[in-house]
Amino acid sequence: MPSEVNVNSAICGFKHKITGHLEGKHIITDIESDCSKIASISHMEIPKKETLNIKENYVMDQAKDSCCVTCIVPAGVLHVCKIELGMLSQTLAKKSERVSIEFNE
């Protein structure tokens, strides 16, 4: 069963649904979004080994030329990858419910 997360980019007004599943040596991800900048990364076949670091990271490399610098969608994709690789418990993720950035005055 594929992993699925919803990303609410409240600042830019977009909501995104990210799904992914492990297929051999790749995590296949798809993103449903109305954001035109996300279109270039809406389908990816991500090599498992290129999800482990920030610097040598397939998702970040694909997003760097299309997404805004503060876009949280790539982080959502990486959370799906971690769940699919068994590096993040789906039960814990569902229990935690969300990851957030809160702006203070």
Protein backbone atom coordinates (compact mmCIF):
# COMPACT_ATOMS: atom_id res chain seq x y z
CA MET A 1 0.00 0.00 0.00
CA PRO A 2 1.49 3.37 -0.98
CA SER A 3 2.39 5.99 1.60
CA GLU A 4 0.50 9.25 1.38
CA VAL A 5 0.97 12.69 2.93
CA ASN A 6 -0.80 16.00 2.53
CA VAL A 7 1.28 19.17 2.49
CA ASN A 8 -0.43 22.44 3.29
CA SER A 9 1.64 25.33 1.95
CA ALA A 10 -0.51 27.94 3.67
CA ILE A 11 1.80 30.86 2.83
CA CYS A 12 1.46 30.36 -0.91
CA GLY A 13 -2.08 29.01 -0.70
CA PHE A 14 -1.52 25.56 -2.19
CA LYS A 15 -2.28 22.10 -0.88
CA HIS A 16 -0.46 19.08 -2.25
CA LYS A 17 -1.09 15.33 -1.99
CA ILE A 18 2.05 13.21 -2.23
CA THR A 19 1.93 9.44 -2.70
CA GLY A 20 4.81 7.04 -3.03
CA HIS A 21 5.67 3.38 -3.14
CA LEU A 22 8.85 1.35 -3.19
CA GLU A 23 9.56 -0.41 -6.46
CA GLY A 24 12.89 -2.22 -6.58
CA LYS A 25 15.71 0.26 -6.04
CA HIS A 26 13.46 3.32 -6.44
CA ILE A 27 10.68 5.12 -4.60
CA ILE A 28 8.06 6.20 -7.12
CA THR A 29 6.35 9.44 -6.06
CA ASP A 30 3.46 11.39 -7.51
CA ILE A 31 2.25 14.82 -6.42
CA GLU A 32 -1.21 16.23 -6.99
CA SER A 33 -0.97 20.03 -6.86
CA ASP A 34 -2.32 23.18 -8.49
CA CYS A 35 1.10 24.86 -8.14
CA SER A 36 2.77 25.22 -11.55
CA LYS A 37 6.22 25.14 -9.96
CA ILE A 38 5.58 21.66 -8.59
CA ALA A 39 4.78 20.30 -12.07
CA SER A 40 8.43 19.49 -12.83
CA ILE A 41 8.67 17.21 -9.78
CA SER A 42 5.11 15.87 -9.86
CA HIS A 43 6.38 12.39 -10.82
CA MET A 44 9.77 11.10 -9.72
CA GLU A 45 11.55 7.77 -9.64
CA ILE A 46 13.90 8.40 -6.74
CA PRO A 47 16.94 6.15 -6.22
CA LYS A 48 16.83 4.79 -2.66
CA LYS A 49 20.47 5.68 -2.01
CA GLU A 50 19.88 9.32 -2.99
CA THR A 51 17.48 10.06 -0.12
CA LEU A 52 19.90 9.69 2.77
CA ASN A 53 21.74 13.03 2.75
CA ILE A 54 20.85 16.67 2.22
CA LYS A 55 23.74 17.40 -0.13
CA GLU A 56 23.58 14.37 -2.45
CA ASN A 57 19.81 14.14 -2.59
CA TYR A 58 17.79 13.40 -5.72
CA VAL A 59 14.65 15.19 -4.50
CA MET A 60 16.46 18.39 -3.54
CA ASP A 61 18.44 18.30 -6.78
CA GLN A 62 15.23 18.07 -8.83
CA ALA A 63 13.48 20.77 -6.79
CA LYS A 64 16.30 23.32 -6.73
CA ASP A 65 15.54 24.79 -10.16
CA SER A 66 11.75 24.78 -9.97
CA CYS A 67 10.55 25.16 -6.38
CA CYS A 68 10.76 28.27 -4.25
CA VAL A 69 13.61 28.18 -1.76
CA THR A 70 11.17 27.91 1.17
CA CYS A 71 8.92 25.28 -0.44
CA ILE A 72 8.06 22.46 1.97
CA VAL A 73 6.91 20.00 -0.71
CA PRO A 74 10.39 18.44 -1.14
CA ALA A 75 10.43 17.73 2.61
CA GLY A 76 7.04 16.06 2.24
CA VAL A 77 8.42 13.89 -0.56
CA LEU A 78 11.36 12.91 1.64
CA HIS A 79 9.00 11.96 4.48
CA VAL A 80 7.19 9.63 2.05
CA CYS A 81 10.56 8.16 1.04
CA LYS A 82 11.55 7.56 4.66
CA ILE A 83 8.25 5.79 5.35
CA GLU A 84 8.65 3.62 2.24
CA LEU A 85 12.22 2.72 3.22
CA GLY A 86 11.16 1.78 6.76
CA MET A 87 13.24 4.60 8.24
CA LEU A 88 10.17 6.40 9.61
CA SER A 89 7.37 4.47 11.25
CA GLN A 90 4.04 5.04 9.51
CA THR A 91 2.32 4.48 12.86
CA LEU A 92 4.46 7.16 14.52
CA ALA A 93 3.94 9.52 11.60
CA LYS A 94 0.16 9.12 11.77
CA LYS A 95 0.20 9.52 15.56
CA SER A 96 2.31 12.69 15.30
CA GLU A 97 -0.08 13.90 12.59
CA ARG A 98 2.01 16.82 11.29
CA VAL A 99 5.31 18.62 11.10
CA SER A 100 4.94 22.37 11.38
CA ILE A 101 6.74 25.68 11.21
CA GLU A 102 5.17 28.29 13.45
CA PHE A 103 5.93 31.96 13.01
CA ASN A 104 6.32 34.04 16.15
CA GLU A 105 5.80 37.77 16.47
